[in-house]
Amino acid sequence: MFGYKSYRFSMAVTKDQLLNVYSGAVKRFRVRSVEGLVLDIDAKHLRQFTTEDGIYGLFELTTTADNKFLKITKIR
């Protein structure tokens, strides 16, 4: 995608940790991309990947050139 940036990262969030999201105590997740960059992601963008076990997998965050959120895709 021209003018867009993408960042890959892994997540392993247990169902107990997700309770903090639903209670409002956690609003953002801080992850490290495979390139070593630290990313802050709004928890609301990860809801679609929530299972009864939590959130697990390798993901790709796509942003505009000025780092505005576009989408997150689960890779595996």
C-alpha atoms as a PDB file:
ATOM      1  CA  MET A   1       0.000   0.000   0.000  1.00  0.00           C
ATOM      2  CA  PHE A   2       1.490   3.290  -1.076  1.00  0.00           C
ATOM      3  CA  GLY A   3       1.932   5.840   1.707  1.00  0.00           C
ATOM      4  CA  TYR A   4       0.949   3.396   4.431  1.00  0.00           C
ATOM      5  CA  LYS A   5       3.058   1.823   7.149  1.00  0.00           C
ATOM      6  CA  SER A   6       2.670  -1.645   8.597  1.00  0.00           C
ATOM      7  CA  TYR A   7       3.948  -3.170  11.809  1.00  0.00           C
ATOM      8  CA  ARG A   8       3.851  -6.825  12.851  1.00  0.00           C
ATOM      9  CA  PHE A   9       3.543  -7.845  16.473  1.00  0.00           C
ATOM     10  CA  SER A  10       2.604 -10.854  18.595  1.00  0.00           C
ATOM     11  CA  MET A  11       0.048 -10.820  21.390  1.00  0.00           C
ATOM     12  CA  ALA A  12      -0.685 -13.210  24.223  1.00  0.00           C
ATOM     13  CA  VAL A  13      -3.429 -11.816  26.468  1.00  0.00           C
ATOM     14  CA  THR A  14      -5.190 -14.221  28.827  1.00  0.00           C
ATOM     15  CA  LYS A  15      -8.917 -14.095  29.520  1.00  0.00           C
ATOM     16  CA  ASP A  16      -8.135 -12.864  33.043  1.00  0.00           C
ATOM     17  CA  GLN A  17      -6.094  -9.976  31.645  1.00  0.00           C
ATOM     18  CA  LEU A  18      -8.991  -9.113  29.335  1.00  0.00           C
ATOM     19  CA  LEU A  19     -11.212  -8.578  32.369  1.00  0.00           C
ATOM     20  CA  ASN A  20      -9.168  -5.416  33.026  1.00  0.00           C
ATOM     21  CA  VAL A  21     -10.160  -4.173  29.574  1.00  0.00           C
ATOM     22  CA  TYR A  22     -13.849  -4.844  30.120  1.00  0.00           C
ATOM     23  CA  SER A  23     -13.773  -3.249  33.568  1.00  0.00           C
ATOM     24  CA  GLY A  24     -12.276  -0.098  32.038  1.00  0.00           C
ATOM     25  CA  ALA A  25      -8.965  -0.362  33.898  1.00  0.00           C
ATOM     26  CA  VAL A  26      -7.052  -0.925  30.639  1.00  0.00           C
ATOM     27  CA  LYS A  27      -7.754   1.131  27.519  1.00  0.00           C
ATOM     28  CA  ARG A  28      -4.566   0.549  25.530  1.00  0.00           C
ATOM     29  CA  PHE A  29      -2.112  -2.247  24.926  1.00  0.00           C
ATOM     30  CA  ARG A  30       1.598  -1.588  24.536  1.00  0.00           C
ATOM     31  CA  VAL A  31       3.309  -4.087  22.255  1.00  0.00           C
ATOM     32  CA  ARG A  32       6.713  -4.365  20.614  1.00  0.00           C
ATOM     33  CA  SER A  33       6.797  -4.875  16.855  1.00  0.00           C
ATOM     34  CA  VAL A  34       9.054  -7.531  15.363  1.00  0.00           C
ATOM     35  CA  GLU A  35      11.262  -4.621  14.231  1.00  0.00           C
ATOM     36  CA  GLY A  36      11.613  -3.501  17.862  1.00  0.00           C
ATOM     37  CA  LEU A  37       9.311  -0.445  17.812  1.00  0.00           C
ATOM     38  CA  VAL A  38       6.951   0.110  20.761  1.00  0.00           C
ATOM     39  CA  LEU A  39       3.311   0.538  19.681  1.00  0.00           C
ATOM     40  CA  ASP A  40       0.347   1.711  21.752  1.00  0.00           C
ATOM     41  CA  ILE A  41      -2.921   0.245  20.461  1.00  0.00           C
ATOM     42  CA  ASP A  42      -6.423   1.106  21.636  1.00  0.00           C
ATOM     43  CA  ALA A  43      -8.022  -2.000  23.135  1.00  0.00           C
ATOM     44  CA  LYS A  44     -11.169  -1.378  21.072  1.00  0.00           C
ATOM     45  CA  HIS A  45      -9.235  -2.238  17.894  1.00  0.00           C
ATOM     46  CA  LEU A  46      -8.532  -5.733  19.218  1.00  0.00           C
ATOM     47  CA  ARG A  47     -12.081  -6.711  20.249  1.00  0.00           C
ATOM     48  CA  GLN A  48     -12.693  -8.585  17.007  1.00  0.00           C
ATOM     49  CA  PHE A  49      -9.839 -10.962  17.844  1.00  0.00           C
ATOM     50  CA  THR A  50     -11.076 -11.814  21.348  1.00  0.00           C
ATOM     51  CA  THR A  51     -11.882 -15.464  22.021  1.00  0.00           C
ATOM     52  CA  GLU A  52     -13.018 -17.083  25.232  1.00  0.00           C
ATOM     53  CA  ASP A  53      -9.333 -17.879  25.912  1.00  0.00           C
ATOM     54  CA  GLY A  54      -8.081 -14.312  25.317  1.00  0.00           C
ATOM     55  CA  ILE A  55      -6.203 -12.742  22.408  1.00  0.00           C
ATOM     56  CA  TYR A  56      -3.363 -14.724  20.877  1.00  0.00           C
ATOM     57  CA  GLY A  57      -1.533 -14.548  17.575  1.00  0.00           C
ATOM     58  CA  LEU A  58       0.615 -12.619  15.148  1.00  0.00           C
ATOM     59  CA  PHE A  59      -0.978  -9.389  13.912  1.00  0.00           C
ATOM     60  CA  GLU A  60      -0.254  -6.607  11.454  1.00  0.00           C
ATOM     61  CA  LEU A  61      -1.162  -3.001  12.211  1.00  0.00           C
ATOM     62  CA  THR A  62      -1.580  -0.715   9.184  1.00  0.00           C
ATOM     63  CA  THR A  63      -1.413   3.070   9.578  1.00  0.00           C
ATOM     64  CA  THR A  64      -1.348   6.099   7.317  1.00  0.00           C
ATOM     65  CA  ALA A  65       1.967   7.795   6.632  1.00  0.00           C
ATOM     66  CA  ASP A  66       1.280  10.087   9.629  1.00  0.00           C
ATOM     67  CA  ASN A  67       0.542   7.094  11.919  1.00  0.00           C
ATOM     68  CA  LYS A  68      -3.279   7.265  11.962  1.00  0.00           C
ATOM     69  CA  PHE A  69      -4.880   3.875  12.580  1.00  0.00           C
ATOM     70  CA  LEU A  70      -6.323   2.090   9.525  1.00  0.00           C
ATOM     71  CA  LYS A  71      -6.683  -1.582  10.429  1.00  0.00           C
ATOM     72  CA  ILE A  72      -5.347  -4.609  12.241  1.00  0.00           C
ATOM     73  CA  THR A  73      -5.184  -7.981  10.524  1.00  0.00           C
ATOM     74  CA  LYS A  74      -4.543 -11.325  12.193  1.00  0.00           C
ATOM     75  CA  ILE A  75      -1.812 -13.172  10.306  1.00  0.00           C
ATOM     76  CA  ARG A  76      -1.868 -16.394  12.344  1.00  0.00           C
END
